[in-house]
Amino acid sequence: MTSQSPLPPNPPDTVDFLVGATAIADFLREIGIPMTRTRVYQWIEAGKLPAGRVGASLVASRSAIRRHLRHVTHGDMLIGA
């Protein structure tokens, strides 16, 4: 008997969710951040990526990662302040 992931495979890009370290690493590479599956696990453990687990699967959100990166690169700057 093989173990099944509790989540379906990644849907098309129109959906916000990323399932699995490979999908998260692929997304980060697409937006210009050199990333490996191993580093995804390390960054999540260190709190450097907004992601978590559902059962045994890592899950993340494209929009949450983008928001997190904007915060990291721009901080809490106010426009026009």
N, C-alpha and C. Protein backbone atom coordinates (compact mmCIF):
# COMPACT_ATOMS: atom_id res chain seq x y z
N MET A 1 0.84 -1.17 0.00
CA MET A 1 0.00 0.00 0.00
C MET A 1 0.89 1.24 0.00
N THR A 2 0.60 2.19 -0.88
CA THR A 2 1.38 3.41 -0.93
C THR A 2 0.66 4.51 -0.17
N SER A 3 1.45 5.38 0.38
CA SER A 3 0.89 6.50 1.14
C SER A 3 0.52 7.62 0.17
N GLN A 4 -0.66 8.15 0.29
CA GLN A 4 -1.15 9.23 -0.56
C GLN A 4 -1.03 10.55 0.18
N SER A 5 -0.65 11.60 -0.55
CA SER A 5 -0.62 12.94 0.03
C SER A 5 -2.05 13.37 0.33
N PRO A 6 -2.29 14.08 1.44
CA PRO A 6 -3.65 14.52 1.75
C PRO A 6 -4.12 15.64 0.83
N LEU A 7 -3.21 16.20 0.02
CA LEU A 7 -3.56 17.30 -0.86
C LEU A 7 -3.40 16.89 -2.32
N PRO A 8 -4.21 17.46 -3.20
CA PRO A 8 -4.05 17.16 -4.62
C PRO A 8 -2.77 17.77 -5.16
N PRO A 9 -2.30 17.31 -6.33
CA PRO A 9 -1.11 17.93 -6.92
C PRO A 9 -1.37 19.40 -7.22
N ASN A 10 -0.29 20.16 -7.45
CA ASN A 10 -0.45 21.59 -7.71
C ASN A 10 -1.35 21.85 -8.90
N PRO A 11 -2.35 22.71 -8.72
CA PRO A 11 -3.22 23.11 -9.83
C PRO A 11 -2.53 24.13 -10.71
N PRO A 12 -3.16 24.57 -11.79
CA PRO A 12 -2.55 25.58 -12.66
C PRO A 12 -2.20 26.86 -11.90
N ASP A 13 -1.38 27.70 -12.51
CA ASP A 13 -0.88 28.92 -11.87
C ASP A 13 -1.96 29.90 -11.44
N THR A 14 -3.19 29.72 -11.89
CA THR A 14 -4.25 30.65 -11.49
C THR A 14 -4.64 30.46 -10.03
N VAL A 15 -4.18 29.38 -9.42
CA VAL A 15 -4.49 29.10 -8.02
C VAL A 15 -3.30 29.51 -7.16
N ASP A 16 -3.55 30.06 -6.01
CA ASP A 16 -2.53 30.64 -5.16
C ASP A 16 -1.67 29.63 -4.41
N PHE A 17 -2.16 28.44 -4.17
CA PHE A 17 -1.46 27.51 -3.28
C PHE A 17 -0.36 26.74 -3.97
N LEU A 18 0.72 26.51 -3.20
CA LEU A 18 1.84 25.68 -3.62
C LEU A 18 1.88 24.50 -2.66
N VAL A 19 1.99 23.31 -3.20
CA VAL A 19 2.02 22.10 -2.37
C VAL A 19 3.32 21.37 -2.62
N GLY A 20 4.12 21.24 -1.57
CA GLY A 20 5.37 20.51 -1.65
C GLY A 20 6.58 21.42 -1.81
N ALA A 21 7.72 20.94 -1.33
CA ALA A 21 8.96 21.71 -1.38
C ALA A 21 9.39 22.00 -2.81
N THR A 22 9.15 21.05 -3.71
CA THR A 22 9.54 21.26 -5.10
C THR A 22 8.76 22.42 -5.71
N ALA A 23 7.45 22.46 -5.49
CA ALA A 23 6.63 23.54 -6.03
C ALA A 23 7.02 24.89 -5.44
N ILE A 24 7.32 24.91 -4.15
CA ILE A 24 7.73 26.16 -3.50
C ILE A 24 9.07 26.63 -4.07
N ALA A 25 10.03 25.71 -4.20
CA ALA A 25 11.34 26.06 -4.77
C ALA A 25 11.19 26.53 -6.21
N ASP A 26 10.36 25.85 -7.00
CA ASP A 26 10.14 26.26 -8.40
C ASP A 26 9.60 27.68 -8.48
N PHE A 27 8.63 27.99 -7.63
CA PHE A 27 8.04 29.33 -7.62
C PHE A 27 9.10 30.38 -7.27
N LEU A 28 9.89 30.11 -6.23
CA LEU A 28 10.91 31.08 -5.82
C LEU A 28 11.94 31.28 -6.93
N ARG A 29 12.31 30.21 -7.64
CA ARG A 29 13.23 30.36 -8.77
C ARG A 29 12.58 31.19 -9.89
N GLU A 30 11.28 30.99 -10.12
CA GLU A 30 10.58 31.76 -11.15
C GLU A 30 10.63 33.25 -10.87
N ILE A 31 10.63 33.65 -9.61
CA ILE A 31 10.65 35.07 -9.28
C ILE A 31 12.07 35.56 -8.99
N GLY A 32 13.06 34.73 -9.30
CA GLY A 32 14.45 35.17 -9.26
C GLY A 32 15.24 34.86 -8.01
N ILE A 33 14.74 33.99 -7.15
CA ILE A 33 15.46 33.63 -5.93
C ILE A 33 16.03 32.23 -6.10
N PRO A 34 17.36 32.09 -6.13
CA PRO A 34 17.95 30.75 -6.25
C PRO A 34 17.49 29.89 -5.08
N MET A 35 16.92 28.74 -5.37
CA MET A 35 16.32 27.93 -4.31
C MET A 35 16.40 26.45 -4.66
N THR A 36 16.61 25.65 -3.62
CA THR A 36 16.57 24.20 -3.75
C THR A 36 15.51 23.67 -2.78
N ARG A 37 15.13 22.43 -2.96
CA ARG A 37 14.17 21.82 -2.03
C ARG A 37 14.73 21.85 -0.61
N THR A 38 16.00 21.52 -0.47
CA THR A 38 16.62 21.49 0.86
C THR A 38 16.56 22.86 1.51
N ARG A 39 16.86 23.90 0.73
CA ARG A 39 16.83 25.25 1.29
C ARG A 39 15.41 25.66 1.66
N VAL A 40 14.40 25.20 0.92
CA VAL A 40 13.00 25.48 1.29
C VAL A 40 12.74 24.97 2.70
N TYR A 41 13.11 23.71 2.96
CA TYR A 41 12.93 23.15 4.30
C TYR A 41 13.68 23.97 5.35
N GLN A 42 14.92 24.36 5.04
CA GLN A 42 15.72 25.13 5.99
C GLN A 42 15.08 26.50 6.27
N TRP A 43 14.64 27.18 5.22
CA TRP A 43 14.04 28.50 5.40
C TRP A 43 12.73 28.43 6.17
N ILE A 44 11.94 27.41 5.92
CA ILE A 44 10.67 27.26 6.66
C ILE A 44 10.97 26.99 8.13
N GLU A 45 11.92 26.09 8.40
CA GLU A 45 12.30 25.80 9.79
C GLU A 45 12.79 27.05 10.51
N ALA A 46 13.51 27.92 9.79
CA ALA A 46 14.07 29.14 10.38
C ALA A 46 13.08 30.30 10.42
N GLY A 47 11.87 30.08 9.89
CA GLY A 47 10.87 31.13 9.88
C GLY A 47 11.08 32.18 8.79
N LYS A 48 11.88 31.86 7.78
CA LYS A 48 12.17 32.81 6.71
C LYS A 48 11.17 32.76 5.57
N LEU A 49 10.28 31.79 5.58
CA LEU A 49 9.24 31.68 4.55
C LEU A 49 7.89 31.46 5.23
N PRO A 50 6.86 32.15 4.74
CA PRO A 50 5.52 31.91 5.29
C PRO A 50 4.93 30.64 4.69
N ALA A 51 5.11 29.55 5.39
CA ALA A 51 4.63 28.25 4.91
C ALA A 51 4.38 27.36 6.12
N GLY A 52 3.75 26.24 5.88
CA GLY A 52 3.48 25.31 6.96
C GLY A 52 3.22 23.93 6.43
N ARG A 53 2.61 23.11 7.24
CA ARG A 53 2.31 21.73 6.86
C ARG A 53 0.83 21.44 6.98
N VAL A 54 0.36 20.65 6.06
CA VAL A 54 -0.96 20.04 6.16
C VAL A 54 -0.68 18.55 6.05
N GLY A 55 -0.83 17.86 7.16
CA GLY A 55 -0.41 16.47 7.18
C GLY A 55 1.10 16.42 6.97
N ALA A 56 1.53 15.61 6.01
CA ALA A 56 2.96 15.50 5.71
C ALA A 56 3.40 16.48 4.62
N SER A 57 2.48 17.22 4.04
CA SER A 57 2.80 18.10 2.91
C SER A 57 3.12 19.52 3.35
N LEU A 58 4.18 20.08 2.76
CA LEU A 58 4.45 21.50 2.94
C LEU A 58 3.48 22.27 2.07
N VAL A 59 2.97 23.38 2.57
CA VAL A 59 2.07 24.22 1.80
C VAL A 59 2.47 25.68 1.97
N ALA A 60 2.27 26.44 0.91
CA ALA A 60 2.56 27.87 0.93
C ALA A 60 1.63 28.57 -0.04
N SER A 61 1.63 29.86 0.01
CA SER A 61 0.79 30.68 -0.84
C SER A 61 1.68 31.63 -1.64
N ARG A 62 1.46 31.67 -2.95
CA ARG A 62 2.23 32.60 -3.79
C ARG A 62 2.08 34.04 -3.28
N SER A 63 0.85 34.44 -2.99
CA SER A 63 0.61 35.82 -2.56
C SER A 63 1.26 36.10 -1.20
N ALA A 64 1.23 35.13 -0.29
CA ALA A 64 1.86 35.32 1.03
C ALA A 64 3.37 35.43 0.89
N ILE A 65 3.96 34.64 0.00
CA ILE A 65 5.41 34.72 -0.22
C ILE A 65 5.76 36.07 -0.81
N ARG A 66 5.00 36.53 -1.81
CA ARG A 66 5.26 37.86 -2.41
C ARG A 66 5.14 38.97 -1.36
N ARG A 67 4.09 38.90 -0.55
CA ARG A 67 3.87 39.90 0.51
C ARG A 67 5.04 39.88 1.50
N HIS A 68 5.47 38.69 1.88
CA HIS A 68 6.59 38.54 2.80
C HIS A 68 7.87 39.15 2.21
N LEU A 69 8.12 38.88 0.94
CA LEU A 69 9.32 39.42 0.30
C LEU A 69 9.27 40.93 0.18
N ARG A 70 8.08 41.48 -0.10
CA ARG A 70 7.94 42.95 -0.13
C ARG A 70 8.25 43.53 1.25
N HIS A 71 7.76 42.88 2.29
CA HIS A 71 8.01 43.35 3.66
C HIS A 71 9.51 43.28 3.97
N VAL A 72 10.15 42.18 3.59
CA VAL A 72 11.57 42.00 3.85
C VAL A 72 12.39 43.06 3.11
N THR A 73 12.03 43.35 1.88
CA THR A 73 12.82 44.27 1.07
C THR A 73 12.46 45.73 1.30
N HIS A 74 11.23 46.01 1.71
CA HIS A 74 10.79 47.40 1.87
C HIS A 74 10.44 47.76 3.31
N GLY A 75 10.30 46.79 4.16
CA GLY A 75 9.95 47.04 5.55
C GLY A 75 8.56 47.63 5.67
N ASP A 76 8.36 48.44 6.67
CA ASP A 76 7.05 49.05 6.92
C ASP A 76 7.03 50.50 6.44
N MET A 77 7.76 50.77 5.35
CA MET A 77 7.82 52.14 4.85
C MET A 77 6.44 52.61 4.40
N LEU A 78 6.13 53.84 4.70
CA LEU A 78 4.86 54.43 4.26
C LEU A 78 5.14 55.32 3.06
N ILE A 79 4.35 55.14 2.02
CA ILE A 79 4.50 55.97 0.83
C ILE A 79 4.07 57.40 1.17
N GLY A 80 4.91 58.37 0.83
CA GLY A 80 4.59 59.77 1.07
C GLY A 80 4.86 60.24 2.49
N ALA A 81 5.40 59.37 3.33
CA ALA A 81 5.67 59.78 4.72
C ALA A 81 7.01 60.46 4.85
